[in-house]
Amino acid sequence: MNILSYVNKPICGAEIKAWIVEHTSCNTEYSRIANAMLRYMNIRDDLFYFVITSPNGTGCGEKKKGKPILIKAV
């Protein structure tokens, strides 16, 4: 499962953490992104989150390229 492909679908915290561990423990194409997401290892397993891979920038329609962010689903 690739959590980065879940567009507009919430993912439970346990699945996000498992993905981070999988891609930080072995060298994959997503290891750089997973290392940047290590700060999310304290999220709750039972809650659902949206993974935003390219948050809106400050310019007109500009997309920032960088670390994905998590937003808790309500």
PDB file of N, CA and C in Angstrom:
ATOM      1  N   MET A   1       0.844  -1.175   0.000  1.00  0.00           N
ATOM      2  CA  MET A   1       0.000   0.000   0.000  1.00  0.00           C
ATOM      3  C   MET A   1       0.892   1.241   0.000  1.00  0.00           C
ATOM      4  N   ASN A   2       0.564   2.176  -0.853  1.00  0.00           N
ATOM      5  CA  ASN A   2       1.290   3.439  -0.902  1.00  0.00           C
ATOM      6  C   ASN A   2       0.363   4.545  -0.404  1.00  0.00           C
ATOM      7  N   ILE A   3       0.647   5.071   0.774  1.00  0.00           N
ATOM      8  CA  ILE A   3      -0.227   6.089   1.364  1.00  0.00           C
ATOM      9  C   ILE A   3      -0.227   7.374   0.558  1.00  0.00           C
ATOM     10  N   LEU A   4       0.784   7.595  -0.259  1.00  0.00           N
ATOM     11  CA  LEU A   4       0.863   8.825  -1.049  1.00  0.00           C
ATOM     12  C   LEU A   4      -0.139   8.826  -2.201  1.00  0.00           C
ATOM     13  N   SER A   5      -0.670   7.671  -2.557  1.00  0.00           N
ATOM     14  CA  SER A   5      -1.629   7.600  -3.649  1.00  0.00           C
ATOM     15  C   SER A   5      -3.079   7.709  -3.165  1.00  0.00           C
ATOM     16  N   TYR A   6      -3.283   7.804  -1.877  1.00  0.00           N
ATOM     17  CA  TYR A   6      -4.636   7.932  -1.324  1.00  0.00           C
ATOM     18  C   TYR A   6      -5.054   9.397  -1.378  1.00  0.00           C
ATOM     19  N   VAL A   7      -5.572   9.817  -2.520  1.00  0.00           N
ATOM     20  CA  VAL A   7      -5.987  11.203  -2.689  1.00  0.00           C
ATOM     21  C   VAL A   7      -7.428  11.335  -2.209  1.00  0.00           C
ATOM     22  N   ASN A   8      -7.666  12.261  -1.298  1.00  0.00           N
ATOM     23  CA  ASN A   8      -8.998  12.538  -0.748  1.00  0.00           C
ATOM     24  C   ASN A   8      -9.623  11.349  -0.032  1.00  0.00           C
ATOM     25  N   LYS A   9      -8.801  10.420   0.459  1.00  0.00           N
ATOM     26  CA  LYS A   9      -9.303   9.289   1.228  1.00  0.00           C
ATOM     27  C   LYS A   9      -8.553   9.245   2.550  1.00  0.00           C
ATOM     28  N   PRO A  10      -9.266   9.203   3.669  1.00  0.00           N
ATOM     29  CA  PRO A  10      -8.574   9.142   4.958  1.00  0.00           C
ATOM     30  C   PRO A  10      -7.928   7.772   5.192  1.00  0.00           C
ATOM     31  N   ILE A  11      -6.808   7.798   5.917  1.00  0.00           N
ATOM     32  CA  ILE A  11      -6.054   6.584   6.237  1.00  0.00           C
ATOM     33  C   ILE A  11      -5.866   6.549   7.740  1.00  0.00           C
ATOM     34  N   CYS A  12      -5.975   5.372   8.345  1.00  0.00           N
ATOM     35  CA  CYS A  12      -5.813   5.284   9.800  1.00  0.00           C
ATOM     36  C   CYS A  12      -4.338   5.469  10.168  1.00  0.00           C
ATOM     37  N   GLY A  13      -4.122   5.995  11.361  1.00  0.00           N
ATOM     38  CA  GLY A  13      -2.779   6.292  11.841  1.00  0.00           C
ATOM     39  C   GLY A  13      -1.862   5.084  11.868  1.00  0.00           C
ATOM     40  N   ALA A  14      -2.405   3.914  12.182  1.00  0.00           N
ATOM     41  CA  ALA A  14      -1.586   2.698  12.231  1.00  0.00           C
ATOM     42  C   ALA A  14      -1.012   2.362  10.856  1.00  0.00           C
ATOM     43  N   GLU A  15      -1.802   2.567   9.794  1.00  0.00           N
ATOM     44  CA  GLU A  15      -1.321   2.287   8.444  1.00  0.00           C
ATOM     45  C   GLU A  15      -0.244   3.284   8.030  1.00  0.00           C
ATOM     46  N   ILE A  16      -0.410   4.537   8.424  1.00  0.00           N
ATOM     47  CA  ILE A  16       0.585   5.561   8.104  1.00  0.00           C
ATOM     48  C   ILE A  16       1.906   5.235   8.784  1.00  0.00           C
ATOM     49  N   LYS A  17       1.837   4.875  10.062  1.00  0.00           N
ATOM     50  CA  LYS A  17       3.055   4.526  10.800  1.00  0.00           C
ATOM     51  C   LYS A  17       3.735   3.296  10.208  1.00  0.00           C
ATOM     52  N   ALA A  18       2.964   2.296   9.813  1.00  0.00           N
ATOM     53  CA  ALA A  18       3.534   1.085   9.216  1.00  0.00           C
ATOM     54  C   ALA A  18       4.250   1.423   7.914  1.00  0.00           C
ATOM     55  N   TRP A  19       3.670   2.314   7.119  1.00  0.00           N
ATOM     56  CA  TRP A  19       4.296   2.736   5.867  1.00  0.00           C
ATOM     57  C   TRP A  19       5.614   3.456   6.141  1.00  0.00           C
ATOM     58  N   ILE A  20       5.623   4.339   7.136  1.00  0.00           N
ATOM     59  CA  ILE A  20       6.845   5.073   7.480  1.00  0.00           C
ATOM     60  C   ILE A  20       7.938   4.100   7.924  1.00  0.00           C
ATOM     61  N   VAL A  21       7.589   3.159   8.784  1.00  0.00           N
ATOM     62  CA  VAL A  21       8.576   2.185   9.273  1.00  0.00           C
ATOM     63  C   VAL A  21       9.110   1.337   8.121  1.00  0.00           C
ATOM     64  N   GLU A  22       8.218   0.885   7.251  1.00  0.00           N
ATOM     65  CA  GLU A  22       8.633   0.045   6.124  1.00  0.00           C
ATOM     66  C   GLU A  22       9.643   0.764   5.227  1.00  0.00           C
ATOM     67  N   HIS A  23       9.382   2.025   4.931  1.00  0.00           N
ATOM     68  CA  HIS A  23      10.237   2.747   3.983  1.00  0.00           C
ATOM     69  C   HIS A  23      11.454   3.406   4.631  1.00  0.00           C
ATOM     70  N   THR A  24      11.501   3.456   5.951  1.00  0.00           N
ATOM     71  CA  THR A  24      12.716   3.945   6.605  1.00  0.00           C
ATOM     72  C   THR A  24      13.649   2.789   6.973  1.00  0.00           C
ATOM     73  N   SER A  25      13.091   1.593   7.098  1.00  0.00           N
ATOM     74  CA  SER A  25      13.936   0.456   7.472  1.00  0.00           C
ATOM     75  C   SER A  25      14.679  -0.148   6.285  1.00  0.00           C
ATOM     76  N   CYS A  26      14.153   0.027   5.084  1.00  0.00           N
ATOM     77  CA  CYS A  26      14.861  -0.444   3.892  1.00  0.00           C
ATOM     78  C   CYS A  26      14.861   0.675   2.851  1.00  0.00           C
ATOM     79  N   ASN A  27      15.840   0.645   1.980  1.00  0.00           N
ATOM     80  CA  ASN A  27      16.013   1.706   1.002  1.00  0.00           C
ATOM     81  C   ASN A  27      15.052   1.502  -0.166  1.00  0.00           C
ATOM     82  N   THR A  28      14.074   2.392  -0.284  1.00  0.00           N
ATOM     83  CA  THR A  28      13.104   2.336  -1.378  1.00  0.00           C
ATOM     84  C   THR A  28      13.029   3.706  -2.032  1.00  0.00           C
ATOM     85  N   GLU A  29      12.206   3.815  -3.061  1.00  0.00           N
ATOM     86  CA  GLU A  29      12.045   5.102  -3.728  1.00  0.00           C
ATOM     87  C   GLU A  29      11.339   6.128  -2.836  1.00  0.00           C
ATOM     88  N   TYR A  30      10.682   5.667  -1.772  1.00  0.00           N
ATOM     89  CA  TYR A  30       9.965   6.557  -0.872  1.00  0.00           C
ATOM     90  C   TYR A  30      10.708   6.810   0.446  1.00  0.00           C
ATOM     91  N   SER A  31      11.914   6.322   0.570  1.00  0.00           N
ATOM     92  CA  SER A  31      12.661   6.446   1.829  1.00  0.00           C
ATOM     93  C   SER A  31      12.891   7.901   2.224  1.00  0.00           C
ATOM     94  N   ARG A  32      13.189   8.771   1.266  1.00  0.00           N
ATOM     95  CA  ARG A  32      13.424  10.182   1.576  1.00  0.00           C
ATOM     96  C   ARG A  32      12.159  10.822   2.159  1.00  0.00           C
ATOM     97  N   ILE A  33      11.014  10.526   1.565  1.00  0.00           N
ATOM     98  CA  ILE A  33       9.750  11.072   2.045  1.00  0.00           C
ATOM     99  C   ILE A  33       9.413  10.482   3.410  1.00  0.00           C
ATOM    100  N   ALA A  34       9.623   9.182   3.577  1.00  0.00           N
ATOM    101  CA  ALA A  34       9.335   8.520   4.857  1.00  0.00           C
ATOM    102  C   ALA A  34      10.201   9.092   5.976  1.00  0.00           C
ATOM    103  N   ASN A  35      11.472   9.373   5.689  1.00  0.00           N
ATOM    104  CA  ASN A  35      12.342   9.990   6.698  1.00  0.00           C
ATOM    105  C   ASN A  35      11.834  11.365   7.098  1.00  0.00           C
ATOM    106  N   ALA A  36      11.298  12.115   6.139  1.00  0.00           N
ATOM    107  CA  ALA A  36      10.737  13.425   6.449  1.00  0.00           C
ATOM    108  C   ALA A  36       9.459  13.312   7.275  1.00  0.00           C
ATOM    109  N   MET A  37       8.780  12.159   7.182  1.00  0.00           N
ATOM    110  CA  MET A  37       7.521  11.966   7.907  1.00  0.00           C
ATOM    111  C   MET A  37       7.712  11.302   9.266  1.00  0.00           C
ATOM    112  N   LEU A  38       8.937  11.056   9.673  1.00  0.00           N
ATOM    113  CA  LEU A  38       9.186  10.441  10.986  1.00  0.00           C
ATOM    114  C   LEU A  38       8.597  11.269  12.121  1.00  0.00           C
ATOM    115  N   ARG A  39       8.419  12.545  11.913  1.00  0.00           N
ATOM    116  CA  ARG A  39       7.838  13.412  12.954  1.00  0.00           C
ATOM    117  C   ARG A  39       6.387  13.046  13.266  1.00  0.00           C
ATOM    118  N   TYR A  40       5.751  12.256  12.386  1.00  0.00           N
ATOM    119  CA  TYR A  40       4.364  11.846  12.599  1.00  0.00           C
ATOM    120  C   TYR A  40       4.230  10.501  13.309  1.00  0.00           C
ATOM    121  N   MET A  41       5.302   9.969  13.843  1.00  0.00           N
ATOM    122  CA  MET A  41       5.231   8.675  14.520  1.00  0.00           C
ATOM    123  C   MET A  41       4.471   8.749  15.850  1.00  0.00           C
ATOM    124  N   ASN A  42       4.081   9.950  16.279  1.00  0.00           N
ATOM    125  CA  ASN A  42       3.332  10.081  17.523  1.00  0.00           C
ATOM    126  C   ASN A  42       1.826  10.237  17.289  1.00  0.00           C
ATOM    127  N   ILE A  43       1.355  10.031  16.052  1.00  0.00           N
ATOM    128  CA  ILE A  43      -0.084  10.142  15.797  1.00  0.00           C
ATOM    129  C   ILE A  43      -0.801   8.930  16.393  1.00  0.00           C
ATOM    130  N   ARG A  44      -2.093   9.085  16.598  1.00  0.00           N
ATOM    131  CA  ARG A  44      -2.878   7.998  17.191  1.00  0.00           C
ATOM    132  C   ARG A  44      -3.218   6.943  16.153  1.00  0.00           C
ATOM    133  N   ASP A  45      -3.118   5.683  16.551  1.00  0.00           N
ATOM    134  CA  ASP A  45      -3.385   4.562  15.640  1.00  0.00           C
ATOM    135  C   ASP A  45      -4.852   4.479  15.226  1.00  0.00           C
ATOM    136  N   ASP A  46      -5.754   4.874  16.113  1.00  0.00           N
ATOM    137  CA  ASP A  46      -7.180   4.677  15.872  1.00  0.00           C
ATOM    138  C   ASP A  46      -7.860   5.850  15.169  1.00  0.00           C
ATOM    139  N   LEU A  47      -7.155   6.949  14.916  1.00  0.00           N
ATOM    140  CA  LEU A  47      -7.744   8.091  14.220  1.00  0.00           C
ATOM    141  C   LEU A  47      -7.389   8.046  12.743  1.00  0.00           C
ATOM    142  N   PHE A  48      -8.185   8.749  11.941  1.00  0.00           N
ATOM    143  CA  PHE A  48      -7.953   8.796  10.498  1.00  0.00           C
ATOM    144  C   PHE A  48      -7.380  10.146  10.101  1.00  0.00           C
ATOM    145  N   TYR A  49      -6.513  10.126   9.087  1.00  0.00           N
ATOM    146  CA  TYR A  49      -5.804  11.319   8.638  1.00  0.00           C
ATOM    147  C   TYR A  49      -5.795  11.374   7.116  1.00  0.00           C
ATOM    148  N   PHE A  50      -5.746  12.599   6.583  1.00  0.00           N
ATOM    149  CA  PHE A  50      -5.520  12.815   5.161  1.00  0.00           C
ATOM    150  C   PHE A  50      -4.041  13.108   4.970  1.00  0.00           C
ATOM    151  N   VAL A  51      -3.441  12.514   3.957  1.00  0.00           N
ATOM    152  CA  VAL A  51      -2.043  12.794   3.617  1.00  0.00           C
ATOM    153  C   VAL A  51      -2.060  13.796   2.463  1.00  0.00           C
ATOM    154  N   ILE A  52      -1.539  14.988   2.717  1.00  0.00           N
ATOM    155  CA  ILE A  52      -1.476  16.038   1.709  1.00  0.00           C
ATOM    156  C   ILE A  52      -0.050  16.057   1.169  1.00  0.00           C
ATOM    157  N   THR A  53       0.110  15.636  -0.079  1.00  0.00           N
ATOM    158  CA  THR A  53       1.457  15.510  -0.626  1.00  0.00           C
ATOM    159  C   THR A  53       2.010  16.817  -1.167  1.00  0.00           C
ATOM    160  N   SER A  54       1.172  17.694  -1.676  1.00  0.00           N
ATOM    161  CA  SER A  54       1.670  18.975  -2.171  1.00  0.00           C
ATOM    162  C   SER A  54       0.701  20.074  -1.738  1.00  0.00           C
ATOM    163  N   PRO A  55       0.937  20.639  -0.545  1.00  0.00           N
ATOM    164  CA  PRO A  55       0.052  21.690  -0.051  1.00  0.00           C
ATOM    165  C   PRO A  55       0.103  22.921  -0.950  1.00  0.00           C
ATOM    166  N   ASN A  56      -0.973  23.708  -0.940  1.00  0.00           N
ATOM    167  CA  ASN A  56      -1.029  24.918  -1.749  1.00  0.00           C
ATOM    168  C   ASN A  56       0.070  25.887  -1.350  1.00  0.00           C
ATOM    169  N   GLY A  57       0.634  26.541  -2.330  1.00  0.00           N
ATOM    170  CA  GLY A  57       1.663  27.540  -2.085  1.00  0.00           C
ATOM    171  C   GLY A  57       1.033  28.893  -1.805  1.00  0.00           C
ATOM    172  N   THR A  58       1.843  29.914  -1.845  1.00  0.00           N
ATOM    173  CA  THR A  58       1.353  31.253  -1.558  1.00  0.00           C
ATOM    174  C   THR A  58       0.946  31.994  -2.822  1.00  0.00           C
ATOM    175  N   GLY A  59       1.434  31.545  -3.972  1.00  0.00           N
ATOM    176  CA  GLY A  59       1.117  32.211  -5.228  1.00  0.00           C
ATOM    177  C   GLY A  59      -0.169  31.689  -5.826  1.00  0.00           C
ATOM    178  N   CYS A  60      -0.542  32.237  -6.921  1.00  0.00           N
ATOM    179  CA  CYS A  60      -1.777  31.875  -7.603  1.00  0.00           C
ATOM    180  C   CYS A  60      -1.641  30.483  -8.218  1.00  0.00           C
ATOM    181  N   GLY A  61      -2.222  29.491  -7.588  1.00  0.00           N
ATOM    182  CA  GLY A  61      -2.163  28.128  -8.087  1.00  0.00           C
ATOM    183  C   GLY A  61      -0.814  27.449  -7.918  1.00  0.00           C
ATOM    184  N   GLU A  62       0.101  28.075  -7.202  1.00  0.00           N
ATOM    185  CA  GLU A  62       1.433  27.508  -6.999  1.00  0.00           C
ATOM    186  C   GLU A  62       1.360  26.322  -6.056  1.00  0.00           C
ATOM    187  N   LYS A  63       2.110  25.291  -6.353  1.00  0.00           N
ATOM    188  CA  LYS A  63       2.200  24.121  -5.486  1.00  0.00           C
ATOM    189  C   LYS A  63       3.590  24.074  -4.878  1.00  0.00           C
ATOM    190  N   LYS A  64       3.643  23.841  -3.565  1.00  0.00           N
ATOM    191  CA  LYS A  64       4.927  23.688  -2.894  1.00  0.00           C
ATOM    192  C   LYS A  64       5.348  22.233  -2.990  1.00  0.00           C
ATOM    193  N   LYS A  65       6.586  22.011  -3.284  1.00  0.00           N
ATOM    194  CA  LYS A  65       7.125  20.656  -3.282  1.00  0.00           C
ATOM    195  C   LYS A  65       7.921  20.509  -2.003  1.00  0.00           C
ATOM    196  N   GLY A  66       7.612  19.525  -1.241  1.00  0.00           N
ATOM    197  CA  GLY A  66       8.334  19.331   0.002  1.00  0.00           C
ATOM    198  C   GLY A  66       7.765  18.174   0.778  1.00  0.00           C
ATOM    199  N   LYS A  67       7.789  18.315   2.070  1.00  0.00           N
ATOM    200  CA  LYS A  67       7.357  17.243   2.952  1.00  0.00           C
ATOM    201  C   LYS A  67       5.837  17.140   2.958  1.00  0.00           C
ATOM    202  N   PRO A  68       5.300  15.929   2.890  1.00  0.00           N
ATOM    203  CA  PRO A  68       3.861  15.750   3.023  1.00  0.00           C
ATOM    204  C   PRO A  68       3.402  16.122   4.440  1.00  0.00           C
ATOM    205  N   ILE A  69       2.180  16.564   4.544  1.00  0.00           N
ATOM    206  CA  ILE A  69       1.619  16.891   5.853  1.00  0.00           C
ATOM    207  C   ILE A  69       0.403  16.003   6.103  1.00  0.00           C
ATOM    208  N   LEU A  70       0.068  15.838   7.372  1.00  0.00           N
ATOM    209  CA  LEU A  70      -1.103  15.067   7.773  1.00  0.00           C
ATOM    210  C   LEU A  70      -2.136  16.007   8.359  1.00  0.00           C
ATOM    211  N   ILE A  71      -3.391  15.782   8.004  1.00  0.00           N
ATOM    212  CA  ILE A  71      -4.500  16.533   8.583  1.00  0.00           C
ATOM    213  C   ILE A  71      -5.487  15.521   9.137  1.00  0.00           C
ATOM    214  N   LYS A  72      -5.872  15.700  10.384  1.00  0.00           N
ATOM    215  CA  LYS A  72      -6.805  14.770  11.028  1.00  0.00           C
ATOM    216  C   LYS A  72      -8.173  14.878  10.375  1.00  0.00           C
ATOM    217  N   ALA A  73      -8.744  13.746  10.008  1.00  0.00           N
ATOM    218  CA  ALA A  73     -10.088  13.704   9.422  1.00  0.00           C
ATOM    219  C   ALA A  73     -11.106  13.853  10.537  1.00  0.00           C
ATOM    220  N   VAL A  74     -12.123  14.603  10.276  1.00  0.00           N
ATOM    221  CA  VAL A  74     -13.149  14.854  11.293  1.00  0.00           C
ATOM    222  C   VAL A  74     -14.291  13.880  11.120  1.00  0.00           C
TER     223      VAL A  74
END
